[in-house]
Protein backbone atom coordinates (compact mmCIF):
# COMPACT_ATOMS: atom_id res chain seq x y z
CA MET A 1 -18.69 39.52 162.75
CA ASN A 2 -19.96 35.92 164.68
CA PRO A 3 -16.69 33.11 164.82
CA LYS A 4 -17.21 31.94 161.90
CA GLN A 5 -17.38 34.97 159.60
CA PHE A 6 -13.66 35.88 161.55
CA LEU A 7 -12.04 32.01 161.12
CA LEU A 8 -13.18 33.34 157.26
CA VAL A 9 -12.62 36.52 156.59
CA GLY A 10 -9.19 36.86 158.80
CA GLY A 11 -8.46 33.41 157.25
CA ILE A 12 -8.20 35.35 153.84
CA VAL A 13 -6.67 39.25 155.49
CA LEU A 14 -3.58 36.50 156.91
CA LEU A 15 -3.59 34.48 153.53
CA ALA A 16 -3.60 37.46 151.78
CA LEU A 17 -0.69 38.92 154.38
CA GLY A 18 1.58 36.27 153.60
CA LEU A 19 1.45 35.40 149.76
CA VAL A 20 1.86 39.00 149.21
CA GLY A 21 4.97 38.57 152.13
CA PHE A 22 6.64 36.28 150.21
CA LEU A 23 7.17 38.22 146.64
CA GLY A 24 9.14 40.90 148.98
CA VAL A 25 6.34 44.02 149.28
CA PHE A 26 7.13 43.67 153.06
CA ASN A 27 10.98 42.77 152.76
CA ASP A 28 12.52 45.99 153.28
CA THR A 29 13.54 46.51 156.97
CA LYS A 30 12.95 50.54 156.96
CA SER A 31 9.51 50.38 155.69
CA ALA A 32 7.20 50.93 158.74
CA PHE A 33 5.67 47.61 157.65
CA TYR A 34 8.29 44.93 157.28
CA LEU A 35 7.23 40.92 157.24
CA ASP A 36 10.33 38.88 156.83
CA GLN A 37 10.46 34.90 156.39
CA GLY A 38 9.02 33.74 159.49
CA GLU A 39 5.95 35.84 159.77
CA ASN A 40 4.82 34.79 155.93
CA VAL A 41 5.16 31.32 156.91
CA ALA A 42 3.34 31.90 160.45
CA HIS A 43 0.36 34.62 158.71
CA THR A 44 0.13 31.81 155.11
CA GLY A 45 -0.03 28.83 157.65
CA LEU A 46 -2.44 30.64 160.10
CA GLY A 47 -4.62 31.28 157.48
CA ILE A 48 -4.69 28.16 155.82
CA ILE A 49 -5.80 26.57 159.50
CA ALA A 50 -8.59 29.89 160.07
CA ILE A 51 -10.51 29.28 156.73
CA ALA A 52 -10.21 25.61 157.01
CA ALA A 53 -11.04 25.51 160.60
CA SER A 54 -14.58 28.43 159.18
CA PHE A 55 -15.45 25.49 156.87
CA LEU A 56 -14.23 22.13 158.82
CA ILE A 57 -15.44 23.52 162.57
CA PRO A 58 -19.02 23.06 162.85
CA ASP A 59 -19.59 23.74 166.48
CA ALA A 60 -19.86 27.62 167.10
CA MET A 61 -18.72 26.91 170.41
CA LEU A 62 -15.43 25.31 169.73
CA GLN A 63 -15.69 28.46 167.10
CA LYS A 64 -16.04 30.65 169.61
CA TRP A 65 -12.87 29.89 171.62
CA LEU A 66 -10.92 29.26 168.62
CA VAL A 67 -11.28 32.53 167.93
CA ALA A 68 -10.74 33.52 171.25
CA VAL A 69 -7.49 32.03 171.42
CA VAL A 70 -6.37 33.65 168.22
CA GLY A 71 -7.45 37.32 170.06
CA VAL A 72 -4.93 36.32 173.00
CA VAL A 73 -2.29 34.54 171.19
CA ALA A 74 -2.14 38.38 168.53
CA LEU A 75 -2.25 40.47 171.64
CA PHE A 76 0.41 39.25 173.42
CA PHE A 77 2.29 39.28 170.02
CA ALA A 78 0.66 42.76 170.07
CA VAL A 79 2.49 43.60 172.72
CA TYR A 80 5.86 40.97 173.13
CA GLY A 81 6.49 42.96 169.63
CA PHE A 82 6.44 47.15 171.17
CA LEU A 83 8.54 45.58 173.96
CA VAL A 84 11.07 44.19 171.61
CA ALA A 85 10.71 46.74 169.31
CA GLY A 86 14.82 47.64 168.63
CA SER A 87 16.59 44.40 169.99
CA ALA A 88 18.58 41.72 167.42
CA PRO A 89 17.04 40.90 165.05
CA PRO A 90 15.30 37.92 164.77
CA ASN A 91 13.85 39.25 168.36
CA THR A 92 10.89 36.67 168.71
CA PHE A 93 11.84 33.11 169.81
CA GLY A 94 15.47 33.08 167.77
CA ILE A 95 13.07 32.74 164.34
CA SER A 96 10.87 36.06 163.11
CA ASN A 97 11.58 40.15 163.91
CA LEU A 98 8.95 42.15 165.60
CA GLU A 99 10.13 45.47 165.35
CA SER A 100 7.14 47.19 162.88
CA PRO A 101 5.11 49.28 164.66
CA ALA A 102 3.12 48.90 162.01
CA ASP A 103 3.04 45.01 162.12
CA ASP A 104 2.45 45.00 165.51
CA ILE A 105 -0.34 47.84 165.83
CA LEU A 106 -2.09 45.07 163.28
CA HIS A 107 -1.66 41.50 165.47
CA LEU A 108 -3.05 44.82 167.96
CA VAL A 109 -5.88 45.32 165.84
CA VAL A 110 -6.69 41.68 165.43
CA GLY A 111 -6.51 40.53 168.86
CA ILE A 112 -9.32 43.72 169.52
CA TRP A 113 -10.77 41.67 167.02
CA ALA A 114 -10.82 38.21 167.71
CA LEU A 115 -12.33 38.55 171.14
CA ALA A 116 -14.56 40.95 170.07
CA ALA A 117 -15.90 38.55 167.33
CA ALA A 118 -15.89 35.52 170.70
CA PHE A 119 -17.60 37.64 172.66
CA LEU A 120 -19.46 39.88 170.98
CA GLY A 121 -21.02 38.03 167.97
CA GLY A 122 -23.71 39.38 166.18
CA ARG A 123 -24.33 42.01 168.87
CA MET A 124 -21.31 44.03 166.55
CA ALA A 125 -24.28 44.88 164.53
CA MET A 126 -25.82 47.93 164.28
CA PRO A 127 -29.63 48.23 165.19
CA ALA A 128 -31.36 49.42 162.28
CA LYS A 129 -32.93 52.71 162.21
CA ALA A 130 -36.92 53.08 163.07
CA MET A 131 -38.57 55.08 160.91
């Protein structure tokens, strides 16, 4: 997957996650996957920005570094989320609550996925087997 594809697919995933969060699907604080309103706003906004960037930024190098920044930020929030788990809400800069282990794992996966898309690009695909 190249950076442009990551921006489009990742943006769609973030937008969907944010919108589903606003519907109250993940609002149970006792659930394994809990998203509060701060996260829903962030996911929705970032999803829209990523989708727009996939179409509006024609420079492949700029897309690459944008995706790399997304990867680093996602990894930061994954590690930060694991560190502040169990702290009194809101535990993330006073605006959100990163306590759900599933959410922290999601940030970890997105971070790795983004960095792989940025730095491995099309090389992530498996080569076709020779017959």
